[in-house]
């Protein structure tokens, strides 16, 4: 038995479906999930589903941790593909809120509510960043107001991957708003992702070590405004105030290394470079899962586990062995990858493994109280800080 496994978790209620268009304040429905929508800093409207925890297990919604699902962006993908709903059901029954969303250009997240901001901001256009240049149809002079990953990006879909970091910034802002409305506790966030989304999730956590978890004293001319991550602050970041502390752990289903910008050197630099996010290594435990016969998945996992995070350092290394980060093959999974490790595929028990891992992490964090965040607007992530080479 794995040393991080705990006793089986109670399962008590089923999950149904209700919807709401209010993205700021919600009651806790008995059935869930709740459809929500929110905006990114560059004016894209993202659609999501919030699955409330079983109130019989999670007695206080505002103290309950939240799990965020990340599927790999790409044509013909959205949050309904794969058995994410089954995993959400298991997690809510175990006492977690669950949040899933569609990336920009995916599912219903195709509306650009502020074309001027979308096409004109310096984080995705110009000033060394030209990600929107990969959108084939472009603004066409009238500021195109919609985005579809298949029609507008096509073969350039992988080159656009860093732009999705701004969706994750919007997710965090949205969840912090719910935290301030006493609907959940963003002092304990967990992330579960598959494929290329694993790298996006790691990048997200890395940047959060350079953002203050509560609204900061901003060093900026004119009206103080928090605009991007990482931003210069008055007095800098105080140790312990970093938003990276809020991530209790992550689970990656067959993590993959995207082409183009997320090179091995860049990825390893997030941990090895003292000016990036070495704190992520020891403070954000991770579980890497892959099929037991999947050689490709195993090689990618070994890169993250052994080379990027150096979970088991060689003798003589100055690094300590990571006690809560694991690379684990899923028995009887064969060559199944990513979200296919979930659901009824050979009754693999992946969900049980995930529940046990998160329960062990949450046992250490269950007394962490919610903190008021007080951010007023969504913000950008400047991916150039991650050493990702821009187009």
Protein backbone atom coordinates (compact mmCIF):
# COMPACT_ATOMS: atom_id res chain seq x y z
CA UNK A 1 0.00 0.00 0.00
CA UNK A 2 1.31 3.46 -0.87
CA UNK A 3 2.37 5.39 2.22
CA UNK A 4 0.23 8.37 1.26
CA UNK A 5 -2.98 6.34 1.04
CA UNK A 6 -5.66 6.80 3.71
CA UNK A 7 -8.93 5.14 4.56
CA UNK A 8 -11.70 5.06 1.91
CA UNK A 9 -13.68 8.27 1.63
CA UNK A 10 -17.40 8.49 2.23
CA UNK A 11 -19.67 8.73 -0.84
CA UNK A 12 -23.18 9.91 -0.10
CA UNK A 13 -24.98 11.96 -2.76
CA UNK A 14 -25.41 12.16 -6.54
CA UNK A 15 -24.67 15.19 -8.73
CA UNK A 16 -27.29 16.72 -11.02
CA UNK A 17 -27.34 19.95 -13.02
CA UNK A 18 -28.46 23.53 -12.42
CA UNK A 19 -27.29 26.74 -14.05
CA UNK A 20 -26.70 30.37 -13.18
CA UNK A 21 -25.36 33.35 -15.13
CA UNK A 22 -24.23 35.25 -12.03
CA UNK A 23 -20.43 35.00 -11.84
CA UNK A 24 -19.99 36.79 -8.52
CA UNK A 25 -22.20 35.23 -5.88
CA UNK A 26 -23.92 31.84 -5.67
CA UNK A 27 -25.88 29.91 -3.11
CA UNK A 28 -24.93 26.29 -2.58
CA UNK A 29 -27.40 24.14 -4.55
CA UNK A 30 -28.18 20.61 -3.46
CA UNK A 31 -27.59 19.07 -6.86
CA UNK A 32 -25.06 21.15 -8.89
CA UNK A 33 -23.06 21.74 -10.96
CA UNK A 34 -23.61 25.44 -11.60
CA UNK A 35 -22.80 27.04 -14.96
CA UNK A 36 -20.74 30.19 -14.50
CA UNK A 37 -19.01 32.65 -16.80
CA UNK A 38 -16.26 35.16 -16.14
CA UNK A 39 -13.84 37.34 -18.10
CA UNK A 40 -10.11 37.35 -18.66
CA UNK A 41 -7.99 40.50 -18.44
CA UNK A 42 -8.00 40.74 -22.25
CA UNK A 43 -11.79 40.51 -22.49
CA UNK A 44 -12.50 36.86 -23.34
CA UNK A 45 -15.63 35.39 -21.76
CA UNK A 46 -14.88 31.95 -20.30
CA UNK A 47 -17.58 29.40 -19.47
CA UNK A 48 -17.26 27.01 -16.57
CA UNK A 49 -18.98 24.55 -14.25
CA UNK A 50 -18.76 24.76 -10.47
CA UNK A 51 -19.52 21.49 -8.67
CA UNK A 52 -20.30 22.20 -5.00
CA UNK A 53 -19.07 19.79 -2.36
CA UNK A 54 -21.54 17.48 -0.66
CA UNK A 55 -22.82 19.59 2.27
CA UNK A 56 -23.11 16.45 4.39
CA UNK A 57 -19.31 16.06 4.17
CA UNK A 58 -18.21 19.68 3.79
CA UNK A 59 -20.12 21.37 6.59
CA UNK A 60 -18.82 24.87 5.84
CA UNK A 61 -18.60 25.80 2.14
CA UNK A 62 -16.29 28.75 2.86
CA UNK A 63 -13.71 26.45 4.47
CA UNK A 64 -13.86 23.82 1.75
CA UNK A 65 -10.93 23.33 -0.67
CA UNK A 66 -11.41 23.53 -4.43
CA UNK A 67 -10.06 21.25 -7.17
CA UNK A 68 -9.46 22.75 -10.62
CA UNK A 69 -9.58 20.53 -13.73
CA UNK A 70 -7.33 21.29 -16.72
CA UNK A 71 -7.71 19.46 -20.02
CA UNK A 72 -5.13 19.98 -22.80
CA UNK A 73 -6.17 22.80 -25.17
CA UNK A 74 -6.61 21.89 -28.82
CA UNK A 75 -9.09 21.52 -31.69
CA UNK A 76 -12.24 19.46 -30.91
CA UNK A 77 -11.54 19.50 -27.16
CA UNK A 78 -13.71 20.92 -24.39
CA UNK A 79 -14.49 20.27 -20.75
CA UNK A 80 -17.21 17.71 -21.59
CA UNK A 81 -14.80 15.28 -23.31
CA UNK A 82 -13.58 12.40 -21.16
CA UNK A 83 -14.84 11.29 -17.76
CA UNK A 84 -14.09 14.48 -15.86
CA UNK A 85 -17.72 14.49 -14.66
CA UNK A 86 -17.24 11.11 -12.99
CA UNK A 87 -14.14 12.34 -11.18
CA UNK A 88 -15.96 15.53 -10.17
CA UNK A 89 -18.75 13.44 -8.71
CA UNK A 90 -16.30 11.41 -6.62
CA UNK A 91 -14.51 14.53 -5.41
CA UNK A 92 -17.65 16.41 -4.39
CA UNK A 93 -18.84 13.36 -2.47
CA UNK A 94 -15.49 13.37 -0.68
CA UNK A 95 -15.94 17.01 0.38
CA UNK A 96 -14.21 19.07 -2.32
CA UNK A 97 -15.61 21.82 -4.49
CA UNK A 98 -14.69 21.20 -8.14
CA UNK A 99 -14.18 23.81 -10.84
CA UNK A 100 -13.78 23.12 -14.55
CA UNK A 101 -13.79 25.55 -17.46
CA UNK A 102 -13.31 25.84 -21.20
CA UNK A 103 -10.17 27.56 -22.44
CA UNK A 104 -10.52 30.52 -24.81
CA UNK A 105 -11.71 29.30 -28.21
CA UNK A 106 -13.04 26.03 -26.78
CA UNK A 107 -16.60 24.92 -26.02
CA UNK A 108 -18.74 27.99 -25.29
CA UNK A 109 -15.71 30.18 -24.49
CA UNK A 110 -15.62 31.83 -27.90
CA UNK A 111 -16.82 35.40 -27.23
CA UNK A 112 -14.39 38.31 -27.11
CA UNK A 113 -16.34 40.88 -25.12
CA UNK A 114 -13.70 43.59 -25.49
CA UNK A 115 -12.05 43.27 -28.93
CA UNK A 116 -10.04 46.46 -28.48
CA UNK A 117 -8.38 45.12 -25.34
CA UNK A 118 -7.99 41.63 -26.81
CA UNK A 119 -6.20 42.80 -29.96
CA UNK A 120 -4.36 45.71 -28.41
CA UNK A 121 -2.87 44.50 -25.11
CA UNK A 122 0.95 44.20 -24.96
CA UNK A 123 0.96 40.78 -23.29
CA UNK A 124 -0.34 38.95 -26.36
CA UNK A 125 0.37 41.50 -29.10
CA UNK A 126 3.52 43.44 -29.83
CA UNK A 127 6.20 44.43 -27.32
CA UNK A 128 7.93 41.12 -27.98
CA UNK A 129 4.73 39.04 -27.72
CA UNK A 130 2.82 38.15 -30.86
CA UNK A 131 0.56 35.26 -29.87
CA UNK A 132 -2.56 36.74 -31.46
CA UNK A 133 -0.64 36.83 -34.73
CA UNK A 134 -1.24 33.07 -34.90
CA UNK A 135 -5.00 33.64 -35.15
CA UNK A 136 -5.48 33.14 -38.89
CA UNK A 137 -8.51 35.36 -39.42
CA UNK A 138 -7.12 38.28 -37.42
CA UNK A 139 -9.14 41.39 -36.49
CA UNK A 140 -9.91 42.15 -40.18
CA UNK A 141 -10.09 45.85 -39.42
CA UNK A 142 -13.30 45.59 -37.41
CA UNK A 143 -11.78 43.91 -34.35
CA UNK A 144 -13.03 40.33 -34.72
CA UNK A 145 -15.12 39.52 -31.64
CA UNK A 146 -14.94 35.74 -31.47
CA UNK A 147 -12.31 33.02 -31.28
CA UNK A 148 -12.51 29.34 -32.26
CA UNK A 149 -9.39 27.28 -31.72
CA UNK A 150 -10.08 24.94 -34.64
CA UNK A 151 -11.08 27.54 -37.23
CA UNK A 152 -8.83 30.39 -36.11
CA UNK A 153 -5.65 28.63 -34.97
CA UNK A 154 -5.57 25.28 -36.78
CA UNK A 155 -1.99 24.04 -37.09
CA UNK A 156 -0.81 26.95 -34.92
CA UNK A 157 -2.71 25.65 -31.88
CA UNK A 158 0.45 24.54 -30.02
CA UNK A 159 2.20 27.84 -30.72
CA UNK A 160 -0.65 29.64 -28.94
CA UNK A 161 -0.34 27.58 -25.72
CA UNK A 162 1.40 30.27 -23.59
CA UNK A 163 -1.57 32.62 -24.19
CA UNK A 164 -3.79 30.27 -22.15
CA UNK A 165 -1.87 31.31 -19.04
CA UNK A 166 -4.10 34.39 -19.00
CA UNK A 167 -7.14 32.12 -18.73
CA UNK A 168 -5.59 30.59 -15.61
CA UNK A 169 -5.05 34.06 -14.13
CA UNK A 170 -8.76 34.71 -14.71
CA UNK A 171 -9.66 31.39 -13.07
CA UNK A 172 -7.69 32.36 -9.97
CA UNK A 173 -9.33 35.79 -9.84
CA UNK A 174 -12.77 34.19 -10.23
CA UNK A 175 -12.11 31.66 -7.47
CA UNK A 176 -10.73 34.37 -5.17
CA UNK A 177 -13.94 36.33 -5.74
CA UNK A 178 -15.91 33.28 -4.63
CA UNK A 179 -13.53 32.96 -1.67
CA UNK A 180 -14.31 36.53 -0.63
CA UNK A 181 -18.03 35.72 -0.98
CA UNK A 182 -17.55 32.85 1.51
CA UNK A 183 -18.30 30.15 -1.07
CA UNK A 184 -14.98 28.26 -0.93
CA UNK A 185 -11.45 28.44 0.48
CA UNK A 186 -8.70 29.37 -1.98
CA UNK A 187 -6.15 28.81 0.77
CA UNK A 188 -6.25 25.18 -0.41
CA UNK A 189 -6.37 24.74 -4.18
CA UNK A 190 -5.64 21.46 -5.94
CA UNK A 191 -5.08 21.01 -9.67
CA UNK A 192 -5.72 17.93 -11.81
CA UNK A 193 -4.65 18.09 -15.44
CA UNK A 194 -3.74 15.89 -18.38
CA UNK A 195 -1.36 16.03 -21.33
CA UNK A 196 -0.07 19.51 -22.25
CA UNK A 197 -2.28 21.07 -19.57
CA UNK A 198 0.17 19.71 -16.98
CA UNK A 199 2.84 22.15 -18.15
CA UNK A 200 0.32 25.00 -18.19
CA UNK A 201 -0.66 24.07 -14.63
CA UNK A 202 2.96 23.95 -13.47
CA UNK A 203 3.60 27.32 -15.10
CA UNK A 204 0.54 28.71 -13.33
CA UNK A 205 1.77 27.54 -9.93
CA UNK A 206 5.26 28.87 -10.72
CA UNK A 207 3.93 32.36 -11.45
CA UNK A 208 1.80 32.31 -8.30
CA UNK A 209 5.01 32.29 -6.27
CA UNK A 210 5.52 35.82 -7.64
CA UNK A 211 2.06 37.19 -6.87
CA UNK A 212 0.83 38.31 -3.46
CA UNK A 213 -2.16 36.31 -2.30
CA UNK A 214 -3.92 39.44 -0.99
CA UNK A 215 -4.19 42.71 -2.90
CA UNK A 216 -0.74 44.33 -2.71
CA UNK A 217 0.68 47.79 -2.35
CA UNK A 218 1.40 48.41 -6.03
CA UNK A 219 4.37 50.46 -7.23
CA UNK A 220 3.01 52.18 -10.31
CA UNK A 221 2.54 55.72 -11.59
CA UNK A 222 -0.96 57.16 -11.42
CA UNK A 223 -3.77 55.10 -9.91
CA UNK A 224 -2.40 51.98 -8.17
CA UNK A 225 -3.48 48.91 -10.14
CA UNK A 226 -2.39 45.32 -10.18
CA UNK A 227 -2.11 44.56 -13.90
CA UNK A 228 0.18 41.57 -14.48
CA UNK A 229 2.19 38.79 -12.88
CA UNK A 230 4.90 39.36 -11.76
CA UNK A 231 4.59 43.07 -11.04
CA UNK A 232 6.91 45.27 -8.99
CA UNK A 233 5.40 45.94 -5.57
CA UNK A 234 6.11 48.47 -2.87
CA UNK A 235 8.26 46.60 -0.38
CA UNK A 236 8.38 43.49 -2.54
CA UNK A 237 6.87 40.14 -1.59
CA UNK A 238 7.00 39.20 2.08
CA UNK A 239 7.89 35.56 2.73
CA UNK A 240 4.68 33.62 3.32
CA UNK A 241 2.52 36.10 1.41
CA UNK A 242 3.00 34.38 -1.97
CA UNK A 243 -0.08 32.95 -3.67
CA UNK A 244 1.93 29.81 -4.46
CA UNK A 245 1.40 28.76 -0.84
CA UNK A 246 -2.30 28.25 -1.63
CA UNK A 247 -1.70 25.22 -3.87
CA UNK A 248 -1.96 22.08 -1.79
CA UNK A 249 -0.95 19.72 -4.57
CA UNK A 250 -1.46 18.60 -8.14
CA UNK A 251 -2.17 15.39 -10.06
CA UNK A 252 -1.00 15.05 -13.66
CA UNK A 253 -2.47 12.34 -15.93
CA UNK A 254 0.22 11.41 -18.47
CA UNK A 255 1.91 14.84 -18.49
CA UNK A 256 3.43 15.78 -21.84
CA UNK A 257 5.97 18.37 -22.98
CA UNK A 258 4.45 20.70 -25.58
CA UNK A 259 6.51 21.65 -28.61
CA UNK A 260 7.97 25.07 -29.37
CA UNK A 261 8.25 27.26 -26.25
CA UNK A 262 8.16 24.87 -23.26
CA UNK A 263 11.62 23.42 -23.86
CA UNK A 264 13.47 21.18 -21.39
CA UNK A 265 15.82 24.04 -20.50
CA UNK A 266 12.91 26.40 -19.83
CA UNK A 267 10.99 23.88 -17.73
CA UNK A 268 13.96 22.90 -15.59
CA UNK A 269 14.80 26.57 -15.13
CA UNK A 270 11.54 27.21 -13.27
CA UNK A 271 12.94 25.08 -10.44
CA UNK A 272 16.73 25.50 -10.73
CA UNK A 273 16.78 29.28 -11.29
CA UNK A 274 16.65 31.10 -7.98
CA UNK A 275 14.87 34.01 -9.69
CA UNK A 276 12.03 31.80 -10.92
CA UNK A 277 10.10 29.43 -8.61
CA UNK A 278 12.32 26.98 -6.70
CA UNK A 279 9.78 27.13 -3.85
CA UNK A 280 7.38 25.11 -6.01
CA UNK A 281 9.58 22.02 -5.69
CA UNK A 282 9.15 21.43 -1.96
CA UNK A 283 5.91 23.31 -1.28
CA UNK A 284 3.58 22.04 -4.03
CA UNK A 285 3.49 18.20 -3.97
CA UNK A 286 2.66 16.45 -7.24
CA UNK A 287 1.48 13.02 -8.30
CA UNK A 288 2.38 11.91 -11.83
CA UNK A 289 0.27 9.05 -13.25
CA UNK A 290 0.83 7.12 -16.48
CA UNK A 291 -0.20 3.80 -18.03
CA UNK A 292 1.96 0.86 -16.95
CA UNK A 293 2.74 -0.08 -20.59
CA UNK A 294 2.99 3.48 -21.90
CA UNK A 295 6.68 4.00 -22.65
CA UNK A 296 6.13 7.48 -24.07
CA UNK A 297 4.18 8.58 -20.99
CA UNK A 298 6.80 7.02 -18.73
CA UNK A 299 9.63 8.93 -20.42
CA UNK A 300 7.79 12.24 -20.14
CA UNK A 301 6.94 11.53 -16.50
CA UNK A 302 10.55 10.66 -15.75
CA UNK A 303 11.59 14.03 -17.15
CA UNK A 304 9.27 15.93 -14.82
CA UNK A 305 9.94 13.71 -11.81
CA UNK A 306 13.69 13.16 -12.14
CA UNK A 307 15.00 16.08 -14.20
CA UNK A 308 12.70 19.02 -13.56
CA UNK A 309 11.73 18.45 -9.90
CA UNK A 310 14.62 16.10 -9.06
CA UNK A 311 12.32 14.26 -6.67
CA UNK A 312 14.99 11.65 -5.85
CA UNK A 313 18.34 13.47 -5.92
CA UNK A 314 21.53 11.53 -6.50
CA UNK A 315 23.90 10.91 -3.64
CA UNK A 316 25.84 14.05 -2.77
CA UNK A 317 23.17 16.44 -4.06
CA UNK A 318 22.32 19.49 -1.98
CA UNK A 319 18.61 18.87 -2.71
CA UNK A 320 16.42 16.96 -0.25
CA UNK A 321 14.34 14.02 -1.45
CA UNK A 322 10.71 14.95 -2.02
CA UNK A 323 8.52 12.96 0.35
CA UNK A 324 5.12 13.87 -1.10
CA UNK A 325 5.80 13.90 -4.87
CA UNK A 326 5.39 10.58 -6.69
CA UNK A 327 5.59 9.05 -10.17
CA UNK A 328 3.20 6.10 -10.29
CA UNK A 329 2.24 3.72 -13.13
CA UNK A 330 -1.46 2.86 -13.29
CA UNK A 331 -1.75 -0.92 -13.18
CA UNK A 332 -3.55 -2.58 -16.11
CA UNK A 333 -3.79 0.74 -17.97
CA UNK A 334 -1.56 -0.41 -20.81
CA UNK A 335 -1.00 2.45 -23.27
CA UNK A 336 -3.99 4.53 -22.14
CA UNK A 337 -3.08 8.18 -21.69
CA UNK A 338 -4.43 11.34 -20.08
CA UNK A 339 -8.13 11.50 -19.30
CA UNK A 340 -8.53 7.96 -20.64
CA UNK A 341 -7.02 6.81 -17.36
CA UNK A 342 -10.30 7.87 -15.76
CA UNK A 343 -13.74 6.28 -15.90
CA UNK A 344 -14.64 2.73 -16.85
CA UNK A 345 -11.44 1.94 -18.73
CA UNK A 346 -10.66 -1.50 -17.29
CA UNK A 347 -11.79 -0.25 -13.87
CA UNK A 348 -8.32 1.08 -13.26
CA UNK A 349 -9.05 2.69 -9.91
CA UNK A 350 -7.41 5.97 -10.93
CA UNK A 351 -10.10 7.98 -9.16
CA UNK A 352 -9.47 6.10 -5.92
CA UNK A 353 -5.75 6.79 -6.19
CA UNK A 354 -6.42 10.50 -6.75
CA UNK A 355 -8.86 10.70 -3.83
CA UNK A 356 -6.40 9.04 -1.48
CA UNK A 357 -3.56 11.29 -2.57
CA UNK A 358 -5.60 14.49 -2.15
CA UNK A 359 -6.95 13.32 1.20
CA UNK A 360 -3.41 12.87 2.51
CA UNK A 361 -2.48 16.38 1.32
CA UNK A 362 -5.66 17.95 2.70
CA UNK A 363 -5.17 16.31 6.09
CA UNK A 364 -2.13 18.55 6.47
CA UNK A 365 -4.04 21.67 5.33
CA UNK A 366 -7.53 21.26 6.78
CA UNK A 367 -7.00 23.90 9.46
CA UNK A 368 -5.76 26.59 7.05
CA UNK A 369 -8.34 29.36 7.28
CA UNK A 370 -9.62 31.31 4.28
CA UNK A 371 -8.07 34.73 3.68
CA UNK A 372 -9.77 37.72 2.08
CA UNK A 373 -8.10 38.48 -1.28
CA UNK A 374 -9.61 41.84 -2.30
CA UNK A 375 -8.50 41.84 -5.95
CA UNK A 376 -10.80 44.05 -8.01
CA UNK A 377 -9.93 43.10 -11.60
CA UNK A 378 -8.56 40.10 -13.48
CA UNK A 379 -4.86 40.42 -14.33
CA UNK A 380 -2.48 39.20 -17.04
CA UNK A 381 0.38 36.74 -16.79
CA UNK A 382 3.45 37.98 -18.62
CA UNK A 383 4.78 34.65 -19.91
CA UNK A 384 8.07 36.24 -20.94
CA UNK A 385 9.05 36.15 -17.27
CA UNK A 386 8.99 32.33 -17.47
CA UNK A 387 11.75 32.46 -20.11
CA UNK A 388 9.28 31.17 -22.67
CA UNK A 389 10.56 32.46 -25.97
CA UNK A 390 7.86 34.58 -27.59
CA UNK A 391 7.07 34.38 -31.34
